[in-house]
Amino acid sequence: MKTWVRAVLETACGGACKQRIQEGRPMQVLEVPGMTRRLVRCEACSGEQAPPNLPDHVETKPFGPLKPMTRLGLLPLDREPGEEG
């Protein structure tokens, strides 16, 4: 299935140019029913113009403040000291 959408995030083109598709720019999305992978192409690689009635890009906010990930300590094992694994 072939659809045109506006990029929500900066996305890499999956066509021959391998350029970045800027946020808010139109892009073509190719999906095959039953497969999870999608192919995204810019207007130049698709060889088509985006439809003029494509909805405008809506600014999105991050879902919350981003925190750096912290490393968890080693998990305790169920073995007694001196016991072979």
C-alpha atoms as a PDB file:
ATOM      1  CA  MET A   1       0.000   0.000   0.000  1.00  0.00           C
ATOM      2  CA  LYS A   2       1.358   3.406  -0.935  1.00  0.00           C
ATOM      3  CA  THR A   3       0.484   6.486   1.141  1.00  0.00           C
ATOM      4  CA  TRP A   4       1.778  10.034   1.537  1.00  0.00           C
ATOM      5  CA  VAL A   5       2.331  11.482   5.021  1.00  0.00           C
ATOM      6  CA  ARG A   6       4.326  14.272   6.574  1.00  0.00           C
ATOM      7  CA  ALA A   7       7.449  13.281   8.512  1.00  0.00           C
ATOM      8  CA  VAL A   8       6.856  13.483  12.257  1.00  0.00           C
ATOM      9  CA  LEU A   9      10.591  13.190  12.971  1.00  0.00           C
ATOM     10  CA  GLU A  10      13.648  13.648  10.788  1.00  0.00           C
ATOM     11  CA  THR A  11      13.765  10.422   8.799  1.00  0.00           C
ATOM     12  CA  ALA A  12      16.239   8.787   6.419  1.00  0.00           C
ATOM     13  CA  CYS A  13      15.047   8.249   2.847  1.00  0.00           C
ATOM     14  CA  GLY A  14      15.084   4.572   1.894  1.00  0.00           C
ATOM     15  CA  GLY A  15      15.451   5.339  -1.822  1.00  0.00           C
ATOM     16  CA  ALA A  16      18.577   5.849  -3.869  1.00  0.00           C
ATOM     17  CA  CYS A  17      19.474   9.295  -2.476  1.00  0.00           C
ATOM     18  CA  LYS A  18      19.787   8.284   1.227  1.00  0.00           C
ATOM     19  CA  GLN A  19      19.148  11.941   2.208  1.00  0.00           C
ATOM     20  CA  ARG A  20      17.422  13.034   5.405  1.00  0.00           C
ATOM     21  CA  ILE A  21      13.720  13.936   5.161  1.00  0.00           C
ATOM     22  CA  GLN A  22      13.208  16.954   7.413  1.00  0.00           C
ATOM     23  CA  GLU A  23      10.400  17.061   9.963  1.00  0.00           C
ATOM     24  CA  GLY A  24       7.158  18.246   8.345  1.00  0.00           C
ATOM     25  CA  ARG A  25       8.206  17.415   4.760  1.00  0.00           C
ATOM     26  CA  PRO A  26       6.040  15.021   2.709  1.00  0.00           C
ATOM     27  CA  MET A  27       7.246  11.457   2.271  1.00  0.00           C
ATOM     28  CA  GLN A  28       5.896   8.363   0.594  1.00  0.00           C
ATOM     29  CA  VAL A  29       5.408   5.260   2.756  1.00  0.00           C
ATOM     30  CA  LEU A  30       5.238   1.837   1.098  1.00  0.00           C
ATOM     31  CA  GLU A  31       3.804  -0.984   3.204  1.00  0.00           C
ATOM     32  CA  VAL A  32       3.218  -4.620   2.289  1.00  0.00           C
ATOM     33  CA  PRO A  33       0.290  -6.240   4.135  1.00  0.00           C
ATOM     34  CA  GLY A  34       1.521  -8.876   6.551  1.00  0.00           C
ATOM     35  CA  MET A  35       5.019  -7.393   6.843  1.00  0.00           C
ATOM     36  CA  THR A  36       6.210  -5.063   9.587  1.00  0.00           C
ATOM     37  CA  ARG A  37       8.872  -3.255   7.549  1.00  0.00           C
ATOM     38  CA  ARG A  38       8.012   0.009   5.793  1.00  0.00           C
ATOM     39  CA  LEU A  39       9.913   1.741   3.001  1.00  0.00           C
ATOM     40  CA  VAL A  40      10.041   5.539   3.246  1.00  0.00           C
ATOM     41  CA  ARG A  41      10.973   7.630   0.206  1.00  0.00           C
ATOM     42  CA  CYS A  42      11.311  11.349  -0.467  1.00  0.00           C
ATOM     43  CA  GLU A  43       9.497  13.059  -3.345  1.00  0.00           C
ATOM     44  CA  ALA A  44      12.591  12.887  -5.582  1.00  0.00           C
ATOM     45  CA  CYS A  45      13.067   9.121  -5.124  1.00  0.00           C
ATOM     46  CA  SER A  46       9.376   8.288  -5.483  1.00  0.00           C
ATOM     47  CA  GLY A  47       9.186  10.068  -8.842  1.00  0.00           C
ATOM     48  CA  GLU A  48       5.834  11.594  -7.863  1.00  0.00           C
ATOM     49  CA  GLN A  49       4.679  14.857  -6.369  1.00  0.00           C
ATOM     50  CA  ALA A  50       3.027  14.756  -2.957  1.00  0.00           C
ATOM     51  CA  PRO A  51      -0.724  15.360  -3.165  1.00  0.00           C
ATOM     52  CA  PRO A  52      -1.658  19.015  -2.559  1.00  0.00           C
ATOM     53  CA  ASN A  53      -4.350  18.063  -0.001  1.00  0.00           C
ATOM     54  CA  LEU A  54      -1.841  16.483   2.420  1.00  0.00           C
ATOM     55  CA  PRO A  55      -2.666  17.613   6.003  1.00  0.00           C
ATOM     56  CA  ASP A  56      -0.371  20.219   7.555  1.00  0.00           C
ATOM     57  CA  HIS A  57       2.356  19.155   9.948  1.00  0.00           C
ATOM     58  CA  VAL A  58       1.358  19.369  13.607  1.00  0.00           C
ATOM     59  CA  GLU A  59       4.123  20.295  16.069  1.00  0.00           C
ATOM     60  CA  THR A  60       4.538  17.681  18.768  1.00  0.00           C
ATOM     61  CA  LYS A  61       6.067  18.113  22.181  1.00  0.00           C
ATOM     62  CA  PRO A  62       8.297  15.531  23.836  1.00  0.00           C
ATOM     63  CA  PHE A  63       6.291  13.212  26.070  1.00  0.00           C
ATOM     64  CA  GLY A  64       8.196  14.301  29.164  1.00  0.00           C
ATOM     65  CA  PRO A  65      11.569  15.357  30.454  1.00  0.00           C
ATOM     66  CA  LEU A  66      14.253  12.971  29.306  1.00  0.00           C
ATOM     67  CA  LYS A  67      16.467  11.516  32.011  1.00  0.00           C
ATOM     68  CA  PRO A  68      19.810   9.841  31.487  1.00  0.00           C
ATOM     69  CA  MET A  69      19.726   6.097  31.950  1.00  0.00           C
ATOM     70  CA  THR A  70      21.376   4.786  35.075  1.00  0.00           C
ATOM     71  CA  ARG A  71      23.171   1.502  35.282  1.00  0.00           C
ATOM     72  CA  LEU A  72      21.650  -1.091  37.544  1.00  0.00           C
ATOM     73  CA  GLY A  73      23.945  -3.036  39.813  1.00  0.00           C
ATOM     74  CA  LEU A  74      24.538  -6.723  39.313  1.00  0.00           C
ATOM     75  CA  LEU A  75      21.609  -8.874  40.258  1.00  0.00           C
ATOM     76  CA  PRO A  76      22.212 -11.299  43.108  1.00  0.00           C
ATOM     77  CA  LEU A  77      22.465 -14.957  42.159  1.00  0.00           C
ATOM     78  CA  ASP A  78      20.753 -17.759  44.043  1.00  0.00           C
ATOM     79  CA  ARG A  79      24.076 -19.496  44.786  1.00  0.00           C
ATOM     80  CA  GLU A  80      25.854 -19.745  48.074  1.00  0.00           C
ATOM     81  CA  PRO A  81      29.434 -18.442  48.301  1.00  0.00           C
ATOM     82  CA  GLY A  82      31.899 -21.130  47.180  1.00  0.00           C
ATOM     83  CA  GLU A  83      29.226 -23.067  45.290  1.00  0.00           C
ATOM     84  CA  GLU A  84      30.116 -23.933  41.688  1.00  0.00           C
ATOM     85  CA  GLY A  85      27.767 -22.677  38.913  1.00  0.00           C
END
